[in-house]
Amino acid sequence: MSASFRLDQIVARLGGLLEGDGSVVVSQVGSLQSAKPGQITFLAHAKFRAQLAGTGASAVIVAPAFAAATALPRIVHPNPYAYYARVTALLNPPPSPRLGVQAGAIVHSILPASASVGENTVIGRQVTFGENVTIHAGCVIGDGVTIGDDSLLYPRVVVYHDCLIGKRAIIHSGAVIGADGFGFAKDGDRWQKIPQIGRVVIGDDVEIGANTTIDRGALDDTVIGDSVKLDNQIQIGHNVHLGEQTALAGCVGIAGSTRIGRRCTIGGAGMISGHLELADDVHISAGSLVMRNLRQPGQYTSIFPLEAHHDWLHNAAQIKRLARLAERVAELEKKLQMKGETS
């Protein structure tokens, strides 16, 4: 259930500059196009400025450059999008969990009184919870797992044995933390499984999307740094290290033993080969394949630009000829050099 606040109350809590009637009450957020009276909207990009004039919202969050673009009561802040996120959280507090162990749960460890364990959840032996941990229905928490204060696991999350999850984690349904990494040694015509004896160690304030999988380390731990944000359906291989504040969009795959620095971003379906190093502040475009170390910060893109299929076929055919063309150029350069030496 949403809450209601006056604009001056919001500014008192979240900061920003109030312009206009601070007594206006809002109870929800909405987009510029769909917002209704009693809601607050936001203008995060100049390309949506034309929609501001027709919005039905009672108030708006704007950057200083657009403070004069509307007569509506407004909160002025240099980052309207981040401010909108904070307002949304303020107006939509999470429901209070039901404390204690619910029907059908099986618990083999001593948990704090502040814990909430949903129906049909299984908690293994020697599990350690911080305060105010919420585990929804159908989760499985293996032996020796540690989960920090104020963490939230949605239904059917699985955490394998000995993994460590920090404070204020949010892990969405279907995520699997600590399954075996893809470790096999070729032995003649057969594959010999390599036991995966490391852990997954997750820092504080990490969010993990639905059906994302993070493999345990083969020898050393797989490490997810503080404030990392992972979208849905991501695969993190064994022994990967993700630096603090790095964010990965949906369907990214990272092969084993790759180290990614702090504040990096990887667009949807980006693929990172194994045993690589990416520096801090590296940004990978969606759909790109990374097969070498990236030592310098910046934006990297490996995908071929989208175009009409006929044009794509033509350009692809030309690309196939580049190797032969390079050889011919090298031959011509060599002949010109020999001719210059003899003249």
C-alpha atoms as a PDB file:
ATOM      1  CA  MET A   1       0.000   0.000   0.000  1.00  0.00           C
ATOM      2  CA  SER A   2       1.346   3.393  -0.974  1.00  0.00           C
ATOM      3  CA  ALA A   3       1.865   6.274   1.457  1.00  0.00           C
ATOM      4  CA  SER A   4       0.982   9.958   1.027  1.00  0.00           C
ATOM      5  CA  PHE A   5       3.266  12.952   1.610  1.00  0.00           C
ATOM      6  CA  ARG A   6       3.156  16.699   1.145  1.00  0.00           C
ATOM      7  CA  LEU A   7       5.840  18.059  -1.181  1.00  0.00           C
ATOM      8  CA  ASP A   8       7.457  19.991   1.667  1.00  0.00           C
ATOM      9  CA  GLN A   9       7.624  16.760   3.693  1.00  0.00           C
ATOM     10  CA  ILE A  10       9.327  14.983   0.783  1.00  0.00           C
ATOM     11  CA  VAL A  11      11.916  17.758   0.446  1.00  0.00           C
ATOM     12  CA  ALA A  12      12.525  17.712   4.200  1.00  0.00           C
ATOM     13  CA  ARG A  13      13.324  13.988   3.964  1.00  0.00           C
ATOM     14  CA  LEU A  14      15.107  13.769   0.621  1.00  0.00           C
ATOM     15  CA  GLY A  15      16.514  17.237  -0.035  1.00  0.00           C
ATOM     16  CA  GLY A  16      16.136  19.233  -3.227  1.00  0.00           C
ATOM     17  CA  LEU A  17      14.663  22.683  -3.799  1.00  0.00           C
ATOM     18  CA  LEU A  18      10.895  23.159  -3.556  1.00  0.00           C
ATOM     19  CA  GLU A  19       9.272  25.681  -5.923  1.00  0.00           C
ATOM     20  CA  GLY A  20       5.536  26.297  -5.735  1.00  0.00           C
ATOM     21  CA  ASP A  21       2.889  25.041  -3.303  1.00  0.00           C
ATOM     22  CA  GLY A  22       4.510  22.736  -0.767  1.00  0.00           C
ATOM     23  CA  SER A  23       1.157  21.678   0.678  1.00  0.00           C
ATOM     24  CA  VAL A  24       0.310  19.609  -2.432  1.00  0.00           C
ATOM     25  CA  VAL A  25      -0.115  15.963  -1.421  1.00  0.00           C
ATOM     26  CA  VAL A  26       1.093  13.093  -3.632  1.00  0.00           C
ATOM     27  CA  SER A  27       0.560   9.407  -3.050  1.00  0.00           C
ATOM     28  CA  GLN A  28       2.163   7.806  -6.113  1.00  0.00           C
ATOM     29  CA  VAL A  29       4.528   8.431  -9.015  1.00  0.00           C
ATOM     30  CA  GLY A  30       3.683   8.275 -12.703  1.00  0.00           C
ATOM     31  CA  SER A  31       5.168   8.933 -16.116  1.00  0.00           C
ATOM     32  CA  LEU A  32       4.760  12.284 -17.830  1.00  0.00           C
ATOM     33  CA  GLN A  33       2.154  10.776 -20.148  1.00  0.00           C
ATOM     34  CA  SER A  34       0.141   8.672 -17.703  1.00  0.00           C
ATOM     35  CA  ALA A  35       0.372  10.528 -14.372  1.00  0.00           C
ATOM     36  CA  LYS A  36      -2.918  11.596 -12.748  1.00  0.00           C
ATOM     37  CA  PRO A  37      -3.833  14.170 -10.108  1.00  0.00           C
ATOM     38  CA  GLY A  38      -2.357  13.149  -6.787  1.00  0.00           C
ATOM     39  CA  GLN A  39       0.757  11.773  -8.472  1.00  0.00           C
ATOM     40  CA  ILE A  40       4.236  13.203  -8.997  1.00  0.00           C
ATOM     41  CA  THR A  41       6.155  12.760 -12.249  1.00  0.00           C
ATOM     42  CA  PHE A  42       9.694  13.575 -13.395  1.00  0.00           C
ATOM     43  CA  LEU A  43      11.569  14.955 -16.386  1.00  0.00           C
ATOM     44  CA  ALA A  44      14.876  13.125 -16.705  1.00  0.00           C
ATOM     45  CA  HIS A  45      15.809  13.944 -20.300  1.00  0.00           C
ATOM     46  CA  ALA A  46      15.363  16.962 -22.554  1.00  0.00           C
ATOM     47  CA  LYS A  47      13.799  14.846 -25.328  1.00  0.00           C
ATOM     48  CA  PHE A  48      10.672  14.399 -23.158  1.00  0.00           C
ATOM     49  CA  ARG A  49      10.256  18.107 -22.456  1.00  0.00           C
ATOM     50  CA  ALA A  50       7.315  18.434 -24.854  1.00  0.00           C
ATOM     51  CA  GLN A  51       5.336  15.971 -22.702  1.00  0.00           C
ATOM     52  CA  LEU A  52       5.703  18.186 -19.650  1.00  0.00           C
ATOM     53  CA  ALA A  53       3.068  20.686 -20.814  1.00  0.00           C
ATOM     54  CA  GLY A  54       0.343  18.055 -21.070  1.00  0.00           C
ATOM     55  CA  THR A  55       1.046  15.987 -17.971  1.00  0.00           C
ATOM     56  CA  GLY A  56      -1.820  15.347 -15.563  1.00  0.00           C
ATOM     57  CA  ALA A  57       0.466  15.104 -12.533  1.00  0.00           C
ATOM     58  CA  SER A  58       0.045  17.339  -9.483  1.00  0.00           C
ATOM     59  CA  ALA A  59       3.800  17.930  -9.201  1.00  0.00           C
ATOM     60  CA  VAL A  60       7.028  17.258 -11.066  1.00  0.00           C
ATOM     61  CA  ILE A  61      10.690  16.592 -10.355  1.00  0.00           C
ATOM     62  CA  VAL A  62      12.978  18.550 -12.700  1.00  0.00           C
ATOM     63  CA  ALA A  63      16.602  19.521 -13.170  1.00  0.00           C
ATOM     64  CA  PRO A  64      17.528  23.187 -12.591  1.00  0.00           C
ATOM     65  CA  ALA A  65      17.646  23.788 -16.355  1.00  0.00           C
ATOM     66  CA  PHE A  66      13.917  22.975 -16.649  1.00  0.00           C
ATOM     67  CA  ALA A  67      12.643  24.555 -13.434  1.00  0.00           C
ATOM     68  CA  ALA A  68      10.997  27.384 -15.408  1.00  0.00           C
ATOM     69  CA  ALA A  69       9.453  25.054 -18.009  1.00  0.00           C
ATOM     70  CA  THR A  70       6.331  24.330 -15.923  1.00  0.00           C
ATOM     71  CA  ALA A  71       3.994  26.155 -13.582  1.00  0.00           C
ATOM     72  CA  LEU A  72       3.318  22.979 -11.574  1.00  0.00           C
ATOM     73  CA  PRO A  73       4.687  22.679  -8.054  1.00  0.00           C
ATOM     74  CA  ARG A  74       8.112  21.167  -8.530  1.00  0.00           C
ATOM     75  CA  ILE A  75      11.095  19.722  -6.758  1.00  0.00           C
ATOM     76  CA  VAL A  76      14.326  20.856  -8.389  1.00  0.00           C
ATOM     77  CA  HIS A  77      17.258  18.467  -8.185  1.00  0.00           C
ATOM     78  CA  PRO A  78      20.377  17.955 -10.357  1.00  0.00           C
ATOM     79  CA  ASN A  79      19.548  14.254 -10.835  1.00  0.00           C
ATOM     80  CA  PRO A  80      15.766  13.949 -11.320  1.00  0.00           C
ATOM     81  CA  TYR A  81      15.930  10.247 -12.165  1.00  0.00           C
ATOM     82  CA  ALA A  82      17.725   9.312  -8.949  1.00  0.00           C
ATOM     83  CA  TYR A  83      15.383  11.587  -6.980  1.00  0.00           C
ATOM     84  CA  TYR A  84      12.379   9.882  -8.593  1.00  0.00           C
ATOM     85  CA  ALA A  85      13.779   6.531  -7.442  1.00  0.00           C
ATOM     86  CA  ARG A  86      13.989   7.783  -3.855  1.00  0.00           C
ATOM     87  CA  VAL A  87      10.478   9.241  -3.994  1.00  0.00           C
ATOM     88  CA  THR A  88       9.131   5.950  -5.351  1.00  0.00           C
ATOM     89  CA  ALA A  89      10.714   4.094  -2.430  1.00  0.00           C
ATOM     90  CA  LEU A  90       9.262   6.628   0.017  1.00  0.00           C
ATOM     91  CA  LEU A  91       5.738   6.328  -1.383  1.00  0.00           C
ATOM     92  CA  ASN A  92       5.868   2.524  -1.727  1.00  0.00           C
ATOM     93  CA  PRO A  93       7.348   1.040   1.451  1.00  0.00           C
ATOM     94  CA  PRO A  94       7.794  -2.744   1.390  1.00  0.00           C
ATOM     95  CA  PRO A  95       5.193  -4.812   3.253  1.00  0.00           C
ATOM     96  CA  SER A  96       6.139  -5.914   6.731  1.00  0.00           C
ATOM     97  CA  PRO A  97       7.224  -9.560   6.784  1.00  0.00           C
ATOM     98  CA  ARG A  98       5.588 -12.149   9.017  1.00  0.00           C
ATOM     99  CA  LEU A  99       8.099 -12.846  11.746  1.00  0.00           C
ATOM    100  CA  GLY A 100       9.001 -16.391  12.666  1.00  0.00           C
ATOM    101  CA  VAL A 101       8.945 -19.704  10.855  1.00  0.00           C
ATOM    102  CA  GLN A 102       5.853 -20.357   8.735  1.00  0.00           C
ATOM    103  CA  ALA A 103       4.054 -23.645   8.191  1.00  0.00           C
ATOM    104  CA  GLY A 104       5.928 -26.390   6.389  1.00  0.00           C
ATOM    105  CA  ALA A 105       9.370 -24.842   6.791  1.00  0.00           C
ATOM    106  CA  ILE A 106      12.197 -27.070   7.995  1.00  0.00           C
ATOM    107  CA  VAL A 107      14.855 -25.274  10.016  1.00  0.00           C
ATOM    108  CA  HIS A 108      17.995 -26.980  11.344  1.00  0.00           C
ATOM    109  CA  SER A 109      19.659 -23.837  12.740  1.00  0.00           C
ATOM    110  CA  ILE A 110      18.974 -21.322  15.494  1.00  0.00           C
ATOM    111  CA  LEU A 111      17.758 -18.078  13.921  1.00  0.00           C
ATOM    112  CA  PRO A 112      17.216 -14.600  15.405  1.00  0.00           C
ATOM    113  CA  ALA A 113      13.707 -13.695  16.545  1.00  0.00           C
ATOM    114  CA  SER A 114      13.658 -11.000  13.827  1.00  0.00           C
ATOM    115  CA  ALA A 115      13.923 -13.573  11.024  1.00  0.00           C
ATOM    116  CA  SER A 116      11.038 -14.341   8.691  1.00  0.00           C
ATOM    117  CA  VAL A 117      11.046 -17.784   7.046  1.00  0.00           C
ATOM    118  CA  GLY A 118       8.338 -18.564   4.501  1.00  0.00           C
ATOM    119  CA  GLU A 119       6.333 -21.717   3.923  1.00  0.00           C
ATOM    120  CA  ASN A 120       8.150 -24.866   2.762  1.00  0.00           C
ATOM    121  CA  THR A 121      11.585 -23.305   3.050  1.00  0.00           C
ATOM    122  CA  VAL A 122      14.513 -25.496   4.111  1.00  0.00           C
ATOM    123  CA  ILE A 123      17.293 -24.023   6.270  1.00  0.00           C
ATOM    124  CA  GLY A 124      20.359 -26.232   6.707  1.00  0.00           C
ATOM    125  CA  ARG A 125      22.686 -26.718   9.642  1.00  0.00           C
ATOM    126  CA  GLN A 126      25.049 -24.078  11.054  1.00  0.00           C
ATOM    127  CA  VAL A 127      23.339 -21.324   9.082  1.00  0.00           C
ATOM    128  CA  THR A 128      23.886 -17.794  10.405  1.00  0.00           C
ATOM    129  CA  PHE A 129      21.366 -14.986   9.890  1.00  0.00           C
ATOM    130  CA  GLY A 130      21.812 -11.332  10.756  1.00  0.00           C
ATOM    131  CA  GLU A 131      18.888  -9.291  12.006  1.00  0.00           C
ATOM    132  CA  ASN A 132      15.694  -8.790   9.985  1.00  0.00           C
ATOM    133  CA  VAL A 133      16.422 -11.385   7.307  1.00  0.00           C
ATOM    134  CA  THR A 134      13.397 -12.344   5.192  1.00  0.00           C
ATOM    135  CA  ILE A 135      13.300 -15.657   3.341  1.00  0.00           C
ATOM    136  CA  HIS A 136      10.188 -16.220   1.216  1.00  0.00           C
ATOM    137  CA  ALA A 137       8.467 -19.511   0.482  1.00  0.00           C
ATOM    138  CA  GLY A 138      10.247 -22.447  -1.078  1.00  0.00           C
ATOM    139  CA  CYS A 139      13.836 -21.277  -0.633  1.00  0.00           C
ATOM    140  CA  VAL A 140      16.639 -23.727   0.161  1.00  0.00           C
ATOM    141  CA  ILE A 141      19.557 -22.479   2.268  1.00  0.00           C
ATOM    142  CA  GLY A 142      22.456 -24.938   2.507  1.00  0.00           C
ATOM    143  CA  ASP A 143      24.607 -25.831   5.484  1.00  0.00           C
ATOM    144  CA  GLY A 144      27.048 -23.208   6.722  1.00  0.00           C
ATOM    145  CA  VAL A 145      25.519 -20.288   4.815  1.00  0.00           C
ATOM    146  CA  THR A 146      25.744 -16.765   6.254  1.00  0.00           C
ATOM    147  CA  ILE A 147      23.178 -14.077   5.350  1.00  0.00           C
ATOM    148  CA  GLY A 148      23.635 -10.495   6.561  1.00  0.00           C
ATOM    149  CA  ASP A 149      21.245  -8.018   8.172  1.00  0.00           C
ATOM    150  CA  ASP A 150      18.111  -6.858   6.329  1.00  0.00           C
ATOM    151  CA  SER A 151      18.578  -9.217   3.399  1.00  0.00           C
ATOM    152  CA  LEU A 152      15.604 -10.382   1.358  1.00  0.00           C
ATOM    153  CA  LEU A 153      15.314 -13.613  -0.633  1.00  0.00           C
ATOM    154  CA  TYR A 154      12.255 -14.028  -2.827  1.00  0.00           C
ATOM    155  CA  PRO A 155      10.555 -17.430  -3.387  1.00  0.00           C
ATOM    156  CA  ARG A 156      12.572 -20.401  -4.613  1.00  0.00           C
ATOM    157  CA  VAL A 157      16.042 -18.973  -4.246  1.00  0.00           C
ATOM    158  CA  VAL A 158      18.695 -21.658  -3.680  1.00  0.00           C
ATOM    159  CA  VAL A 159      21.910 -20.923  -1.807  1.00  0.00           C
ATOM    160  CA  TYR A 160      24.387 -23.806  -1.731  1.00  0.00           C
ATOM    161  CA  HIS A 161      26.523 -24.690   1.270  1.00  0.00           C
ATOM    162  CA  ASP A 162      29.069 -22.323   2.850  1.00  0.00           C
ATOM    163  CA  CYS A 163      28.202 -19.293   0.707  1.00  0.00           C
ATOM    164  CA  LEU A 164      28.254 -15.843   2.270  1.00  0.00           C
ATOM    165  CA  ILE A 165      25.719 -13.108   1.505  1.00  0.00           C
ATOM    166  CA  GLY A 166      26.249  -9.611   2.876  1.00  0.00           C
ATOM    167  CA  LYS A 167      23.877  -7.071   4.360  1.00  0.00           C
ATOM    168  CA  ARG A 168      20.801  -5.685   2.585  1.00  0.00           C
ATOM    169  CA  ALA A 169      20.964  -8.169  -0.285  1.00  0.00           C
ATOM    170  CA  ILE A 170      17.936  -8.554  -2.546  1.00  0.00           C
ATOM    171  CA  ILE A 171      17.850 -11.875  -4.401  1.00  0.00           C
ATOM    172  CA  HIS A 172      14.964 -12.546  -6.763  1.00  0.00           C
ATOM    173  CA  SER A 173      13.112 -15.767  -7.488  1.00  0.00           C
ATOM    174  CA  GLY A 174      14.886 -18.654  -9.135  1.00  0.00           C
ATOM    175  CA  ALA A 175      18.408 -17.388  -8.485  1.00  0.00           C
ATOM    176  CA  VAL A 176      20.977 -20.076  -7.675  1.00  0.00           C
ATOM    177  CA  ILE A 177      24.009 -19.097  -5.620  1.00  0.00           C
ATOM    178  CA  GLY A 178      26.936 -21.495  -5.319  1.00  0.00           C
ATOM    179  CA  ALA A 179      26.221 -24.282  -7.808  1.00  0.00           C
ATOM    180  CA  ASP A 180      29.288 -26.079  -9.161  1.00  0.00           C
ATOM    181  CA  GLY A 181      31.334 -24.211 -11.731  1.00  0.00           C
ATOM    182  CA  PHE A 182      31.924 -25.743 -15.157  1.00  0.00           C
ATOM    183  CA  GLY A 183      35.100 -27.613 -14.219  1.00  0.00           C
ATOM    184  CA  PHE A 184      36.131 -30.764 -16.084  1.00  0.00           C
ATOM    185  CA  ALA A 185      39.510 -32.217 -17.050  1.00  0.00           C
ATOM    186  CA  LYS A 186      39.868 -34.242 -20.245  1.00  0.00           C
ATOM    187  CA  ASP A 187      41.007 -37.774 -19.401  1.00  0.00           C
ATOM    188  CA  GLY A 188      41.346 -39.735 -22.604  1.00  0.00           C
ATOM    189  CA  ASP A 189      37.891 -39.945 -24.105  1.00  0.00           C
ATOM    190  CA  ARG A 190      36.172 -38.972 -20.861  1.00  0.00           C
ATOM    191  CA  TRP A 191      35.654 -35.854 -18.776  1.00  0.00           C
ATOM    192  CA  GLN A 192      36.854 -35.979 -15.182  1.00  0.00           C
ATOM    193  CA  LYS A 193      34.825 -33.695 -12.891  1.00  0.00           C
ATOM    194  CA  ILE A 194      36.895 -31.245 -10.847  1.00  0.00           C
ATOM    195  CA  PRO A 195      35.376 -30.731  -7.384  1.00  0.00           C
ATOM    196  CA  GLN A 196      34.479 -27.083  -6.856  1.00  0.00           C
ATOM    197  CA  ILE A 197      35.699 -26.349  -3.322  1.00  0.00           C
ATOM    198  CA  GLY A 198      35.460 -22.539  -3.240  1.00  0.00           C
ATOM    199  CA  ARG A 199      32.503 -20.439  -2.136  1.00  0.00           C
ATOM    200  CA  VAL A 200      30.449 -17.526  -3.421  1.00  0.00           C
ATOM    201  CA  VAL A 201      31.089 -14.403  -1.342  1.00  0.00           C
ATOM    202  CA  ILE A 202      28.598 -11.579  -1.919  1.00  0.00           C
ATOM    203  CA  GLY A 203      29.140  -8.095  -0.499  1.00  0.00           C
ATOM    204  CA  ASP A 204      26.673  -5.609   0.969  1.00  0.00           C
ATOM    205  CA  ASP A 205      23.818  -3.929  -0.935  1.00  0.00           C
ATOM    206  CA  VAL A 206      23.897  -6.396  -3.835  1.00  0.00           C
ATOM    207  CA  GLU A 207      20.783  -7.101  -5.925  1.00  0.00           C
ATOM    208  CA  ILE A 208      20.535 -10.297  -7.983  1.00  0.00           C
ATOM    209  CA  GLY A 209      17.822 -10.755 -10.614  1.00  0.00           C
ATOM    210  CA  ALA A 210      15.487 -13.666 -11.253  1.00  0.00           C
ATOM    211  CA  ASN A 211      17.026 -16.903 -12.562  1.00  0.00           C
ATOM    212  CA  THR A 212      20.560 -15.547 -12.351  1.00  0.00           C
ATOM    213  CA  THR A 213      23.226 -18.110 -11.438  1.00  0.00           C
ATOM    214  CA  ILE A 214      26.544 -17.523  -9.684  1.00  0.00           C
ATOM    215  CA  ASP A 215      28.893 -20.522  -9.600  1.00  0.00           C
ATOM    216  CA  ARG A 216      31.059 -21.301  -6.614  1.00  0.00           C
ATOM    217  CA  GLY A 217      34.818 -21.116  -7.006  1.00  0.00           C
ATOM    218  CA  ALA A 218      36.891 -24.066  -8.135  1.00  0.00           C
ATOM    219  CA  LEU A 219      39.675 -23.324  -5.624  1.00  0.00           C
ATOM    220  CA  ASP A 220      39.334 -19.660  -4.628  1.00  0.00           C
ATOM    221  CA  ASP A 221      36.014 -17.916  -4.034  1.00  0.00           C
ATOM    222  CA  THR A 222      33.748 -16.288  -6.582  1.00  0.00           C
ATOM    223  CA  VAL A 223      33.416 -12.714  -5.288  1.00  0.00           C
ATOM    224  CA  ILE A 224      30.635 -10.201  -5.930  1.00  0.00           C
ATOM    225  CA  GLY A 225      31.611  -6.770  -4.582  1.00  0.00           C
ATOM    226  CA  ASP A 226      29.523  -4.293  -2.627  1.00  0.00           C
ATOM    227  CA  SER A 227      26.618  -2.580  -4.428  1.00  0.00           C
ATOM    228  CA  VAL A 228      26.837  -4.788  -7.534  1.00  0.00           C
ATOM    229  CA  LYS A 229      23.552  -4.964  -9.463  1.00  0.00           C
ATOM    230  CA  LEU A 230      22.753  -8.040 -11.563  1.00  0.00           C
ATOM    231  CA  ASP A 231      19.761  -8.261 -13.886  1.00  0.00           C
ATOM    232  CA  ASN A 232      17.764 -11.406 -14.701  1.00  0.00           C
ATOM    233  CA  GLN A 233      19.185 -14.540 -16.360  1.00  0.00           C
ATOM    234  CA  ILE A 234      22.860 -13.747 -15.921  1.00  0.00           C
ATOM    235  CA  GLN A 235      25.531 -16.453 -15.702  1.00  0.00           C
ATOM    236  CA  ILE A 236      28.602 -15.792 -13.532  1.00  0.00           C
ATOM    237  CA  GLY A 237      31.267 -18.496 -13.851  1.00  0.00           C
ATOM    238  CA  HIS A 238      33.528 -19.862 -11.145  1.00  0.00           C
ATOM    239  CA  ASN A 239      36.264 -17.673  -9.619  1.00  0.00           C
ATOM    240  CA  VAL A 240      34.891 -14.504 -11.228  1.00  0.00           C
ATOM    241  CA  HIS A 241      35.473 -11.250  -9.325  1.00  0.00           C
ATOM    242  CA  LEU A 242      33.051  -8.361  -9.854  1.00  0.00           C
ATOM    243  CA  GLY A 243      34.189  -5.006  -8.492  1.00  0.00           C
ATOM    244  CA  GLU A 244      32.090  -2.658  -6.401  1.00  0.00           C
ATOM    245  CA  GLN A 245      29.162  -0.827  -8.033  1.00  0.00           C
ATOM    246  CA  THR A 246      29.387  -2.801 -11.261  1.00  0.00           C
ATOM    247  CA  ALA A 247      26.063  -3.401 -13.058  1.00  0.00           C
ATOM    248  CA  LEU A 248      25.196  -6.152 -15.549  1.00  0.00           C
ATOM    249  CA  ALA A 249      22.078  -6.182 -17.753  1.00  0.00           C
ATOM    250  CA  GLY A 250      20.046  -9.269 -18.623  1.00  0.00           C
ATOM    251  CA  CYS A 251      21.513 -12.392 -20.242  1.00  0.00           C
ATOM    252  CA  VAL A 252      25.156 -11.398 -19.718  1.00  0.00           C
ATOM    253  CA  GLY A 253      27.554 -14.343 -19.494  1.00  0.00           C
ATOM    254  CA  ILE A 254      30.949 -14.202 -17.790  1.00  0.00           C
ATOM    255  CA  ALA A 255      33.253 -17.194 -18.108  1.00  0.00           C
ATOM    256  CA  GLY A 256      35.418 -18.433 -15.252  1.00  0.00           C
ATOM    257  CA  SER A 257      38.310 -16.614 -13.578  1.00  0.00           C
ATOM    258  CA  THR A 258      37.588 -13.248 -15.160  1.00  0.00           C
ATOM    259  CA  ARG A 259      38.134 -10.143 -13.020  1.00  0.00           C
ATOM    260  CA  ILE A 260      35.984  -7.103 -13.685  1.00  0.00           C
ATOM    261  CA  GLY A 261      36.784  -3.798 -12.035  1.00  0.00           C
ATOM    262  CA  ARG A 262      34.707  -1.276 -10.144  1.00  0.00           C
ATOM    263  CA  ARG A 263      31.880   0.786 -11.638  1.00  0.00           C
ATOM    264  CA  CYS A 264      31.807  -1.240 -14.846  1.00  0.00           C
ATOM    265  CA  THR A 265      28.668  -1.843 -16.900  1.00  0.00           C
ATOM    266  CA  ILE A 266      27.873  -4.621 -19.362  1.00  0.00           C
ATOM    267  CA  GLY A 267      24.889  -4.255 -21.685  1.00  0.00           C
ATOM    268  CA  GLY A 268      22.331  -6.994 -22.297  1.00  0.00           C
ATOM    269  CA  ALA A 269      23.653 -10.268 -23.752  1.00  0.00           C
ATOM    270  CA  GLY A 270      27.272  -9.147 -23.487  1.00  0.00           C
ATOM    271  CA  MET A 271      29.652 -12.109 -23.373  1.00  0.00           C
ATOM    272  CA  ILE A 272      32.987 -12.062 -21.541  1.00  0.00           C
ATOM    273  CA  SER A 273      35.524 -14.838 -22.153  1.00  0.00           C
ATOM    274  CA  GLY A 274      37.380 -16.478 -19.291  1.00  0.00           C
ATOM    275  CA  HIS A 275      40.667 -15.521 -17.589  1.00  0.00           C
ATOM    276  CA  LEU A 276      40.408 -11.863 -18.627  1.00  0.00           C
ATOM    277  CA  GLU A 277      40.835  -8.605 -16.740  1.00  0.00           C
ATOM    278  CA  LEU A 278      38.666  -5.522 -17.243  1.00  0.00           C
ATOM    279  CA  ALA A 279      39.832  -2.289 -15.644  1.00  0.00           C
ATOM    280  CA  ASP A 280      37.684  -0.004 -13.503  1.00  0.00           C
ATOM    281  CA  ASP A 281      35.069   2.058 -15.384  1.00  0.00           C
ATOM    282  CA  VAL A 282      34.913  -0.167 -18.457  1.00  0.00           C
ATOM    283  CA  HIS A 283      31.547  -0.111 -20.249  1.00  0.00           C
ATOM    284  CA  ILE A 284      30.593  -2.876 -22.693  1.00  0.00           C
ATOM    285  CA  SER A 285      27.839  -2.273 -25.240  1.00  0.00           C
ATOM    286  CA  ALA A 286      24.914  -4.681 -25.469  1.00  0.00           C
ATOM    287  CA  GLY A 287      25.566  -7.833 -27.471  1.00  0.00           C
ATOM    288  CA  SER A 288      29.350  -7.400 -27.505  1.00  0.00           C
ATOM    289  CA  LEU A 289      31.849 -10.247 -27.194  1.00  0.00           C
ATOM    290  CA  VAL A 290      34.983  -9.505 -25.175  1.00  0.00           C
ATOM    291  CA  MET A 291      37.922 -11.844 -25.880  1.00  0.00           C
ATOM    292  CA  ARG A 292      40.893  -9.803 -24.650  1.00  0.00           C
ATOM    293  CA  ASN A 293      41.952  -7.843 -21.592  1.00  0.00           C
ATOM    294  CA  LEU A 294      40.707  -4.258 -21.382  1.00  0.00           C
ATOM    295  CA  ARG A 295      43.299  -2.284 -19.427  1.00  0.00           C
ATOM    296  CA  GLN A 296      41.891   1.214 -19.967  1.00  0.00           C
ATOM    297  CA  PRO A 297      38.520   2.666 -18.923  1.00  0.00           C
ATOM    298  CA  GLY A 298      36.015   3.634 -21.587  1.00  0.00           C
ATOM    299  CA  GLN A 299      33.222   2.358 -23.825  1.00  0.00           C
ATOM    300  CA  TYR A 300      33.843  -0.781 -25.914  1.00  0.00           C
ATOM    301  CA  THR A 301      31.663  -2.215 -28.687  1.00  0.00           C
ATOM    302  CA  SER A 302      32.193  -5.318 -30.819  1.00  0.00           C
ATOM    303  CA  ILE A 303      28.835  -5.759 -32.545  1.00  0.00           C
ATOM    304  CA  PHE A 304      28.260  -5.108 -36.243  1.00  0.00           C
ATOM    305  CA  PRO A 305      25.801  -2.206 -36.705  1.00  0.00           C
ATOM    306  CA  LEU A 306      22.208  -3.115 -37.558  1.00  0.00           C
ATOM    307  CA  GLU A 307      21.172  -2.505 -41.173  1.00  0.00           C
ATOM    308  CA  ALA A 308      18.892  -3.849 -43.859  1.00  0.00           C
ATOM    309  CA  HIS A 309      19.558  -7.534 -44.558  1.00  0.00           C
ATOM    310  CA  HIS A 310      20.599  -6.983 -48.185  1.00  0.00           C
ATOM    311  CA  ASP A 311      23.148  -4.359 -47.121  1.00  0.00           C
ATOM    312  CA  TRP A 312      24.381  -6.610 -44.325  1.00  0.00           C
ATOM    313  CA  LEU A 313      25.020  -9.455 -46.777  1.00  0.00           C
ATOM    314  CA  HIS A 314      26.924  -7.111 -49.095  1.00  0.00           C
ATOM    315  CA  ASN A 315      29.119  -5.747 -46.291  1.00  0.00           C
ATOM    316  CA  ALA A 316      29.723  -9.205 -44.823  1.00  0.00           C
ATOM    317  CA  ALA A 317      30.966 -10.387 -48.210  1.00  0.00           C
ATOM    318  CA  GLN A 318      33.386  -7.452 -48.353  1.00  0.00           C
ATOM    319  CA  ILE A 319      34.665  -8.203 -44.855  1.00  0.00           C
ATOM    320  CA  LYS A 320      35.497 -11.769 -45.922  1.00  0.00           C
ATOM    321  CA  ARG A 321      37.728 -10.303 -48.648  1.00  0.00           C
ATOM    322  CA  LEU A 322      39.697  -8.043 -46.274  1.00  0.00           C
ATOM    323  CA  ALA A 323      42.373 -10.641 -45.460  1.00  0.00           C
ATOM    324  CA  ARG A 324      43.183 -11.220 -49.148  1.00  0.00           C
ATOM    325  CA  LEU A 325      43.091  -7.479 -49.779  1.00  0.00           C
ATOM    326  CA  ALA A 326      45.572  -6.891 -46.959  1.00  0.00           C
ATOM    327  CA  GLU A 327      47.916  -9.492 -48.478  1.00  0.00           C
ATOM    328  CA  ARG A 328      47.745  -7.768 -51.884  1.00  0.00           C
ATOM    329  CA  VAL A 329      48.466  -4.374 -50.317  1.00  0.00           C
ATOM    330  CA  ALA A 330      51.471  -5.841 -48.501  1.00  0.00           C
ATOM    331  CA  GLU A 331      52.779  -7.309 -51.780  1.00  0.00           C
ATOM    332  CA  LEU A 332      52.378  -3.965 -53.560  1.00  0.00           C
ATOM    333  CA  GLU A 333      54.160  -2.112 -50.734  1.00  0.00           C
ATOM    334  CA  LYS A 334      57.029  -4.593 -50.911  1.00  0.00           C
ATOM    335  CA  LYS A 335      57.356  -4.142 -54.694  1.00  0.00           C
ATOM    336  CA  LEU A 336      57.295  -0.347 -54.357  1.00  0.00           C
ATOM    337  CA  GLN A 337      59.972  -0.497 -51.678  1.00  0.00           C
ATOM    338  CA  MET A 338      62.210  -2.733 -53.876  1.00  0.00           C
ATOM    339  CA  LYS A 339      61.678  -0.438 -56.840  1.00  0.00           C
ATOM    340  CA  GLY A 340      62.669   2.571 -54.738  1.00  0.00           C
ATOM    341  CA  GLU A 341      65.856   0.868 -53.548  1.00  0.00           C
ATOM    342  CA  THR A 342      66.977   0.047 -57.108  1.00  0.00           C
ATOM    343  CA  SER A 343      66.211   3.436 -58.642  1.00  0.00           C
END
